[in-house]
């Protein structure tokens, strides 16, 4: 009886972990990329970032963005500003 309950608990925990990972990959990461693109546009337009931390954070997020041509173009512009 306890083994069945333990196995069900393990299955539920693994499904929960999978849901958290999927949410992070398919919701949080694209939102971070959009935020980084918007921030990079402002940095490029102004010619400088508000702080070094902000610049590095946006730079890193754009560098890790996948399948986004605008992010790649903005990353190259930030790389030249660096």
PDB file of N, CA and C in Angstrom:
ATOM      1  N   UNK A   1       0.818  -1.189   0.000  1.00  0.00           N
ATOM      2  CA  UNK A   1       0.000   0.000   0.000  1.00  0.00           C
ATOM      3  C   UNK A   1       0.869   1.263   0.000  1.00  0.00           C
ATOM      4  N   UNK A   2       1.906   1.270   0.834  1.00  0.00           N
ATOM      5  CA  UNK A   2       2.765   2.444   0.894  1.00  0.00           C
ATOM      6  C   UNK A   2       3.580   2.623  -0.386  1.00  0.00           C
ATOM      7  N   UNK A   3       3.936   1.516  -1.019  1.00  0.00           N
ATOM      8  CA  UNK A   3       4.698   1.583  -2.261  1.00  0.00           C
ATOM      9  C   UNK A   3       3.883   2.248  -3.371  1.00  0.00           C
ATOM     10  N   UNK A   4       2.612   1.934  -3.440  1.00  0.00           N
ATOM     11  CA  UNK A   4       1.736   2.534  -4.450  1.00  0.00           C
ATOM     12  C   UNK A   4       1.609   4.038  -4.218  1.00  0.00           C
ATOM     13  N   UNK A   5       1.426   4.429  -2.991  1.00  0.00           N
ATOM     14  CA  UNK A   5       1.321   5.852  -2.669  1.00  0.00           C
ATOM     15  C   UNK A   5       2.633   6.579  -2.971  1.00  0.00           C
ATOM     16  N   UNK A   6       3.735   5.940  -2.663  1.00  0.00           N
ATOM     17  CA  UNK A   6       5.043   6.523  -2.928  1.00  0.00           C
ATOM     18  C   UNK A   6       5.255   6.703  -4.434  1.00  0.00           C
ATOM     19  N   UNK A   7       4.900   5.694  -5.209  1.00  0.00           N
ATOM     20  CA  UNK A   7       5.044   5.790  -6.663  1.00  0.00           C
ATOM     21  C   UNK A   7       4.151   6.885  -7.242  1.00  0.00           C
ATOM     22  N   UNK A   8       2.928   6.993  -6.761  1.00  0.00           N
ATOM     23  CA  UNK A   8       2.033   8.056  -7.223  1.00  0.00           C
ATOM     24  C   UNK A   8       2.575   9.432  -6.860  1.00  0.00           C
ATOM     25  N   UNK A   9       3.120   9.559  -5.670  1.00  0.00           N
ATOM     26  CA  UNK A   9       3.720  10.825  -5.256  1.00  0.00           C
ATOM     27  C   UNK A   9       4.907  11.183  -6.154  1.00  0.00           C
ATOM     28  N   UNK A  10       5.738  10.207  -6.459  1.00  0.00           N
ATOM     29  CA  UNK A  10       6.892  10.441  -7.345  1.00  0.00           C
ATOM     30  C   UNK A  10       6.435  10.857  -8.735  1.00  0.00           C
ATOM     31  N   UNK A  11       5.403  10.230  -9.246  1.00  0.00           N
ATOM     32  CA  UNK A  11       4.883  10.580 -10.574  1.00  0.00           C
ATOM     33  C   UNK A  11       4.345  12.004 -10.571  1.00  0.00           C
ATOM     34  N   UNK A  12       3.596  12.363  -9.545  1.00  0.00           N
ATOM     35  CA  UNK A  12       3.049  13.723  -9.453  1.00  0.00           C
ATOM     36  C   UNK A  12       4.170  14.740  -9.338  1.00  0.00           C
ATOM     37  N   UNK A  13       5.188  14.457  -8.554  1.00  0.00           N
ATOM     38  CA  UNK A  13       6.320  15.377  -8.408  1.00  0.00           C
ATOM     39  C   UNK A  13       7.077  15.547  -9.725  1.00  0.00           C
ATOM     40  N   UNK A  14       7.275  14.468 -10.456  1.00  0.00           N
ATOM     41  CA  UNK A  14       7.951  14.558 -11.752  1.00  0.00           C
ATOM     42  C   UNK A  14       7.119  15.334 -12.771  1.00  0.00           C
ATOM     43  N   UNK A  15       5.814  15.125 -12.761  1.00  0.00           N
ATOM     44  CA  UNK A  15       4.943  15.900 -13.651  1.00  0.00           C
ATOM     45  C   UNK A  15       4.976  17.388 -13.288  1.00  0.00           C
ATOM     46  N   UNK A  16       5.004  17.686 -11.999  1.00  0.00           N
ATOM     47  CA  UNK A  16       5.105  19.078 -11.554  1.00  0.00           C
ATOM     48  C   UNK A  16       6.420  19.702 -11.981  1.00  0.00           C
ATOM     49  N   UNK A  17       7.499  18.966 -11.843  1.00  0.00           N
ATOM     50  CA  UNK A  17       8.806  19.461 -12.274  1.00  0.00           C
ATOM     51  C   UNK A  17       8.829  19.708 -13.775  1.00  0.00           C
ATOM     52  N   UNK A  18       8.233  18.806 -14.535  1.00  0.00           N
ATOM     53  CA  UNK A  18       8.149  18.993 -15.979  1.00  0.00           C
ATOM     54  C   UNK A  18       7.342  20.230 -16.342  1.00  0.00           C
ATOM     55  N   UNK A  19       6.266  20.479 -15.609  1.00  0.00           N
ATOM     56  CA  UNK A  19       5.443  21.667 -15.864  1.00  0.00           C
ATOM     57  C   UNK A  19       6.227  22.943 -15.573  1.00  0.00           C
ATOM     58  N   UNK A  20       6.994  22.946 -14.515  1.00  0.00           N
ATOM     59  CA  UNK A  20       7.805  24.124 -14.176  1.00  0.00           C
ATOM     60  C   UNK A  20       8.869  24.370 -15.245  1.00  0.00           C
ATOM     61  N   UNK A  21       9.515  23.335 -15.702  1.00  0.00           N
ATOM     62  CA  UNK A  21      10.539  23.474 -16.743  1.00  0.00           C
ATOM     63  C   UNK A  21       9.913  23.958 -18.048  1.00  0.00           C
ATOM     64  N   UNK A  22       8.773  23.398 -18.426  1.00  0.00           N
ATOM     65  CA  UNK A  22       8.094  23.821 -19.661  1.00  0.00           C
ATOM     66  C   UNK A  22       7.654  25.275 -19.566  1.00  0.00           C
ATOM     67  N   UNK A  23       7.132  25.689 -18.421  1.00  0.00           N
ATOM     68  CA  UNK A  23       6.719  27.079 -18.225  1.00  0.00           C
ATOM     69  C   UNK A  23       7.909  28.016 -18.367  1.00  0.00           C
ATOM     70  N   UNK A  24       9.027  27.626 -17.799  1.00  0.00           N
ATOM     71  CA  UNK A  24      10.227  28.453 -17.888  1.00  0.00           C
ATOM     72  C   UNK A  24      10.704  28.584 -19.328  1.00  0.00           C
ATOM     73  N   UNK A  25      10.725  27.487 -20.058  1.00  0.00           N
ATOM     74  CA  UNK A  25      11.227  27.515 -21.429  1.00  0.00           C
ATOM     75  C   UNK A  25      10.295  28.222 -22.400  1.00  0.00           C
ATOM     76  N   UNK A  26       8.995  28.047 -22.232  1.00  0.00           N
ATOM     77  CA  UNK A  26       8.055  28.535 -23.231  1.00  0.00           C
ATOM     78  C   UNK A  26       7.339  29.831 -22.855  1.00  0.00           C
ATOM     79  N   UNK A  27       7.481  30.289 -21.605  1.00  0.00           N
ATOM     80  CA  UNK A  27       6.832  31.539 -21.195  1.00  0.00           C
ATOM     81  C   UNK A  27       7.855  32.545 -20.682  1.00  0.00           C
ATOM     82  N   UNK A  28       8.654  32.156 -19.718  1.00  0.00           N
ATOM     83  CA  UNK A  28       9.573  33.103 -19.077  1.00  0.00           C
ATOM     84  C   UNK A  28      10.696  33.523 -20.021  1.00  0.00           C
ATOM     85  N   UNK A  29      11.327  32.587 -20.696  1.00  0.00           N
ATOM     86  CA  UNK A  29      12.449  32.922 -21.588  1.00  0.00           C
ATOM     87  C   UNK A  29      12.033  33.851 -22.722  1.00  0.00           C
ATOM     88  N   UNK A  30      10.913  33.595 -23.424  1.00  0.00           N
ATOM     89  CA  UNK A  30      10.497  34.556 -24.458  1.00  0.00           C
ATOM     90  C   UNK A  30      10.164  35.943 -23.896  1.00  0.00           C
ATOM     91  N   UNK A  31       9.604  35.993 -22.688  1.00  0.00           N
ATOM     92  CA  UNK A  31       9.321  37.301 -22.083  1.00  0.00           C
ATOM     93  C   UNK A  31      10.616  38.040 -21.766  1.00  0.00           C
ATOM     94  N   UNK A  32      11.616  37.324 -21.282  1.00  0.00           N
ATOM     95  CA  UNK A  32      12.918  37.939 -21.013  1.00  0.00           C
ATOM     96  C   UNK A  32      13.543  38.441 -22.307  1.00  0.00           C
ATOM     97  N   UNK A  33      13.419  37.679 -23.370  1.00  0.00           N
ATOM     98  CA  UNK A  33      13.983  38.095 -24.654  1.00  0.00           C
ATOM     99  C   UNK A  33      13.296  39.360 -25.158  1.00  0.00           C
ATOM    100  N   UNK A  34      11.979  39.428 -25.058  1.00  0.00           N
ATOM    101  CA  UNK A  34      11.248  40.635 -25.482  1.00  0.00           C
ATOM    102  C   UNK A  34      11.678  41.841 -24.656  1.00  0.00           C
ATOM    103  N   UNK A  35      11.845  41.651 -23.331  1.00  0.00           N
ATOM    104  CA  UNK A  35      12.292  42.738 -22.468  1.00  0.00           C
ATOM    105  C   UNK A  35      13.688  43.192 -22.897  1.00  0.00           C
ATOM    106  N   UNK A  36      14.570  42.240 -23.185  1.00  0.00           N
ATOM    107  CA  UNK A  36      15.933  42.572 -23.593  1.00  0.00           C
ATOM    108  C   UNK A  36      15.948  43.310 -24.923  1.00  0.00           C
ATOM    109  N   UNK A  37      15.093  42.914 -25.863  1.00  0.00           N
ATOM    110  CA  UNK A  37      15.025  43.600 -27.153  1.00  0.00           C
ATOM    111  C   UNK A  37      14.558  45.037 -26.955  1.00  0.00           C
ATOM    112  N   UNK A  38      13.516  45.226 -26.153  1.00  0.00           N
ATOM    113  CA  UNK A  38      13.029  46.583 -25.900  1.00  0.00           C
ATOM    114  C   UNK A  38      14.090  47.438 -25.202  1.00  0.00           C
ATOM    115  N   UNK A  39      14.778  46.863 -24.237  1.00  0.00           N
ATOM    116  CA  UNK A  39      15.836  47.600 -23.542  1.00  0.00           C
ATOM    117  C   UNK A  39      16.994  47.902 -24.479  1.00  0.00           C
ATOM    118  N   UNK A  40      17.339  46.963 -25.344  1.00  0.00           N
ATOM    119  CA  UNK A  40      18.447  47.173 -26.281  1.00  0.00           C
ATOM    120  C   UNK A  40      18.114  48.289 -27.265  1.00  0.00           C
ATOM    121  N   UNK A  41      16.858  48.345 -27.695  1.00  0.00           N
ATOM    122  CA  UNK A  41      16.451  49.445 -28.578  1.00  0.00           C
ATOM    123  C   UNK A  41      16.693  50.793 -27.910  1.00  0.00           C
ATOM    124  N   UNK A  42      16.338  50.886 -26.635  1.00  0.00           N
ATOM    125  CA  UNK A  42      16.524  52.140 -25.893  1.00  0.00           C
ATOM    126  C   UNK A  42      18.006  52.454 -25.717  1.00  0.00           C
ATOM    127  N   UNK A  43      18.811  51.438 -25.437  1.00  0.00           N
ATOM    128  CA  UNK A  43      20.250  51.646 -25.247  1.00  0.00           C
ATOM    129  C   UNK A  43      20.883  52.111 -26.552  1.00  0.00           C
ATOM    130  N   UNK A  44      20.527  51.474 -27.654  1.00  0.00           N
ATOM    131  CA  UNK A  44      21.093  51.840 -28.956  1.00  0.00           C
ATOM    132  C   UNK A  44      20.657  53.255 -29.336  1.00  0.00           C
ATOM    133  N   UNK A  45      19.403  53.592 -29.077  1.00  0.00           N
ATOM    134  CA  UNK A  45      18.911  54.927 -29.411  1.00  0.00           C
ATOM    135  C   UNK A  45      19.604  55.995 -28.576  1.00  0.00           C
ATOM    136  N   UNK A  46      19.838  55.701 -27.305  1.00  0.00           N
ATOM    137  CA  UNK A  46      20.485  56.671 -26.418  1.00  0.00           C
ATOM    138  C   UNK A  46      22.000  56.690 -26.602  1.00  0.00           C
ATOM    139  N   UNK A  47      22.555  55.596 -27.075  1.00  0.00           N
ATOM    140  CA  UNK A  47      24.001  55.514 -27.244  1.00  0.00           C
ATOM    141  C   UNK A  47      24.744  55.056 -26.005  1.00  0.00           C
ATOM    142  N   UNK A  48      24.020  54.854 -24.908  1.00  0.00           N
ATOM    143  CA  UNK A  48      24.650  54.355 -23.681  1.00  0.00           C
ATOM    144  C   UNK A  48      23.580  53.758 -22.785  1.00  0.00           C
ATOM    145  N   UNK A  49      24.000  52.897 -21.875  1.00  0.00           N
ATOM    146  CA  UNK A  49      23.075  52.254 -20.945  1.00  0.00           C
ATOM    147  C   UNK A  49      23.000  53.057 -19.657  1.00  0.00           C
ATOM    148  N   UNK A  50      21.931  52.843 -18.911  1.00  0.00           N
ATOM    149  CA  UNK A  50      21.775  53.558 -17.640  1.00  0.00           C
ATOM    150  C   UNK A  50      22.795  53.081 -16.606  1.00  0.00           C
ATOM    151  N   UNK A  51      23.203  51.820 -16.707  1.00  0.00           N
ATOM    152  CA  UNK A  51      24.226  51.296 -15.797  1.00  0.00           C
ATOM    153  C   UNK A  51      24.968  50.145 -16.484  1.00  0.00           C
ATOM    154  N   UNK A  52      26.130  49.834 -15.956  1.00  0.00           N
ATOM    155  CA  UNK A  52      26.926  48.741 -16.516  1.00  0.00           C
ATOM    156  C   UNK A  52      26.205  47.409 -16.329  1.00  0.00           C
ATOM    157  N   UNK A  53      25.553  47.227 -15.175  1.00  0.00           N
ATOM    158  CA  UNK A  53      24.825  45.993 -14.910  1.00  0.00           C
ATOM    159  C   UNK A  53      23.717  45.806 -15.934  1.00  0.00           C
ATOM    160  N   UNK A  54      22.969  46.864 -16.196  1.00  0.00           N
ATOM    161  CA  UNK A  54      21.862  46.800 -17.157  1.00  0.00           C
ATOM    162  C   UNK A  54      22.380  46.422 -18.542  1.00  0.00           C
ATOM    163  N   UNK A  55      23.473  47.035 -18.972  1.00  0.00           N
ATOM    164  CA  UNK A  55      24.051  46.729 -20.277  1.00  0.00           C
ATOM    165  C   UNK A  55      24.462  45.259 -20.359  1.00  0.00           C
ATOM    166  N   UNK A  56      25.173  44.779 -19.335  1.00  0.00           N
ATOM    167  CA  UNK A  56      25.627  43.384 -19.346  1.00  0.00           C
ATOM    168  C   UNK A  56      24.462  42.409 -19.328  1.00  0.00           C
ATOM    169  N   UNK A  57      23.412  42.738 -18.588  1.00  0.00           N
ATOM    170  CA  UNK A  57      22.255  41.860 -18.492  1.00  0.00           C
ATOM    171  C   UNK A  57      21.543  41.768 -19.848  1.00  0.00           C
ATOM    172  N   UNK A  58      21.309  42.893 -20.491  1.00  0.00           N
ATOM    173  CA  UNK A  58      20.665  42.907 -21.800  1.00  0.00           C
ATOM    174  C   UNK A  58      21.553  42.209 -22.828  1.00  0.00           C
ATOM    175  N   UNK A  59      22.835  42.482 -22.801  1.00  0.00           N
ATOM    176  CA  UNK A  59      23.799  41.884 -23.722  1.00  0.00           C
ATOM    177  C   UNK A  59      23.765  40.358 -23.625  1.00  0.00           C
ATOM    178  N   UNK A  60      23.767  39.852 -22.396  1.00  0.00           N
ATOM    179  CA  UNK A  60      23.756  38.395 -22.161  1.00  0.00           C
ATOM    180  C   UNK A  60      22.452  37.764 -22.646  1.00  0.00           C
ATOM    181  N   UNK A  61      21.330  38.412 -22.368  1.00  0.00           N
ATOM    182  CA  UNK A  61      20.046  37.856 -22.796  1.00  0.00           C
ATOM    183  C   UNK A  61      19.922  37.835 -24.315  1.00  0.00           C
ATOM    184  N   UNK A  62      20.416  38.865 -24.976  1.00  0.00           N
ATOM    185  CA  UNK A  62      20.357  38.882 -26.437  1.00  0.00           C
ATOM    186  C   UNK A  62      21.305  37.837 -27.028  1.00  0.00           C
ATOM    187  N   UNK A  63      22.434  37.617 -26.377  1.00  0.00           N
ATOM    188  CA  UNK A  63      23.396  36.633 -26.882  1.00  0.00           C
ATOM    189  C   UNK A  63      22.837  35.219 -26.810  1.00  0.00           C
ATOM    190  N   UNK A  64      21.945  34.958 -25.866  1.00  0.00           N
ATOM    191  CA  UNK A  64      21.398  33.611 -25.711  1.00  0.00           C
ATOM    192  C   UNK A  64      20.028  33.452 -26.373  1.00  0.00           C
ATOM    193  N   UNK A  65      19.531  34.490 -27.040  1.00  0.00           N
ATOM    194  CA  UNK A  65      18.230  34.390 -27.715  1.00  0.00           C
ATOM    195  C   UNK A  65      18.371  33.516 -28.961  1.00  0.00           C
ATOM    196  N   UNK A  66      17.397  32.655 -29.177  1.00  0.00           N
ATOM    197  CA  UNK A  66      17.414  31.751 -30.318  1.00  0.00           C
ATOM    198  C   UNK A  66      16.341  32.152 -31.326  1.00  0.00           C
ATOM    199  N   UNK A  67      16.664  32.041 -32.600  1.00  0.00           N
ATOM    200  CA  UNK A  67      15.711  32.256 -33.693  1.00  0.00           C
ATOM    201  C   UNK A  67      15.041  33.625 -33.646  1.00  0.00           C
ATOM    202  N   UNK A  68      15.793  34.655 -33.310  1.00  0.00           N
ATOM    203  CA  UNK A  68      15.250  36.008 -33.273  1.00  0.00           C
ATOM    204  C   UNK A  68      16.236  36.926 -33.996  1.00  0.00           C
ATOM    205  N   UNK A  69      15.891  37.300 -35.217  1.00  0.00           N
ATOM    206  CA  UNK A  69      16.809  38.103 -36.028  1.00  0.00           C
ATOM    207  C   UNK A  69      16.999  39.502 -35.459  1.00  0.00           C
ATOM    208  N   UNK A  70      15.940  40.076 -34.901  1.00  0.00           N
ATOM    209  CA  UNK A  70      16.076  41.405 -34.314  1.00  0.00           C
ATOM    210  C   UNK A  70      16.997  41.375 -33.100  1.00  0.00           C
ATOM    211  N   UNK A  71      16.890  40.328 -32.293  1.00  0.00           N
ATOM    212  CA  UNK A  71      17.774  40.187 -31.139  1.00  0.00           C
ATOM    213  C   UNK A  71      19.222  40.054 -31.591  1.00  0.00           C
ATOM    214  N   UNK A  72      19.455  39.315 -32.666  1.00  0.00           N
ATOM    215  CA  UNK A  72      20.818  39.148 -33.170  1.00  0.00           C
ATOM    216  C   UNK A  72      21.376  40.478 -33.686  1.00  0.00           C
ATOM    217  N   UNK A  73      20.540  41.235 -34.388  1.00  0.00           N
ATOM    218  CA  UNK A  73      20.981  42.526 -34.916  1.00  0.00           C
ATOM    219  C   UNK A  73      21.293  43.501 -33.777  1.00  0.00           C
ATOM    220  N   UNK A  74      20.420  43.538 -32.764  1.00  0.00           N
ATOM    221  CA  UNK A  74      20.659  44.429 -31.624  1.00  0.00           C
ATOM    222  C   UNK A  74      21.888  43.977 -30.835  1.00  0.00           C
ATOM    223  N   UNK A  75      22.088  42.666 -30.722  1.00  0.00           N
ATOM    224  CA  UNK A  75      23.271  42.178 -30.008  1.00  0.00           C
ATOM    225  C   UNK A  75      24.539  42.638 -30.715  1.00  0.00           C
ATOM    226  N   UNK A  76      24.541  42.591 -32.055  1.00  0.00           N
ATOM    227  CA  UNK A  76      25.710  43.055 -32.805  1.00  0.00           C
ATOM    228  C   UNK A  76      25.947  44.538 -32.577  1.00  0.00           C
ATOM    229  N   UNK A  77      24.875  45.334 -32.526  1.00  0.00           N
ATOM    230  CA  UNK A  77      25.036  46.761 -32.268  1.00  0.00           C
ATOM    231  C   UNK A  77      25.577  47.006 -30.869  1.00  0.00           C
ATOM    232  N   UNK A  78      25.083  46.258 -29.894  1.00  0.00           N
ATOM    233  CA  UNK A  78      25.598  46.392 -28.526  1.00  0.00           C
ATOM    234  C   UNK A  78      27.050  45.931 -28.449  1.00  0.00           C
ATOM    235  N   UNK A  79      27.389  44.904 -29.210  1.00  0.00           N
ATOM    236  CA  UNK A  79      28.757  44.415 -29.214  1.00  0.00           C
ATOM    237  C   UNK A  79      29.711  45.487 -29.747  1.00  0.00           C
ATOM    238  N   UNK A  80      29.281  46.234 -30.754  1.00  0.00           N
ATOM    239  CA  UNK A  80      30.105  47.328 -31.259  1.00  0.00           C
ATOM    240  C   UNK A  80      30.223  48.466 -30.242  1.00  0.00           C
ATOM    241  N   UNK A  81      29.164  48.692 -29.456  1.00  0.00           N
ATOM    242  CA  UNK A  81      29.201  49.740 -28.435  1.00  0.00           C
ATOM    243  C   UNK A  81      30.104  49.353 -27.268  1.00  0.00           C
ATOM    244  N   UNK A  82      30.241  48.079 -27.040  1.00  0.00           N
ATOM    245  CA  UNK A  82      31.021  47.574 -25.907  1.00  0.00           C
ATOM    246  C   UNK A  82      32.429  48.024 -26.030  1.00  0.00           C
TER     247      UNK A  82
END
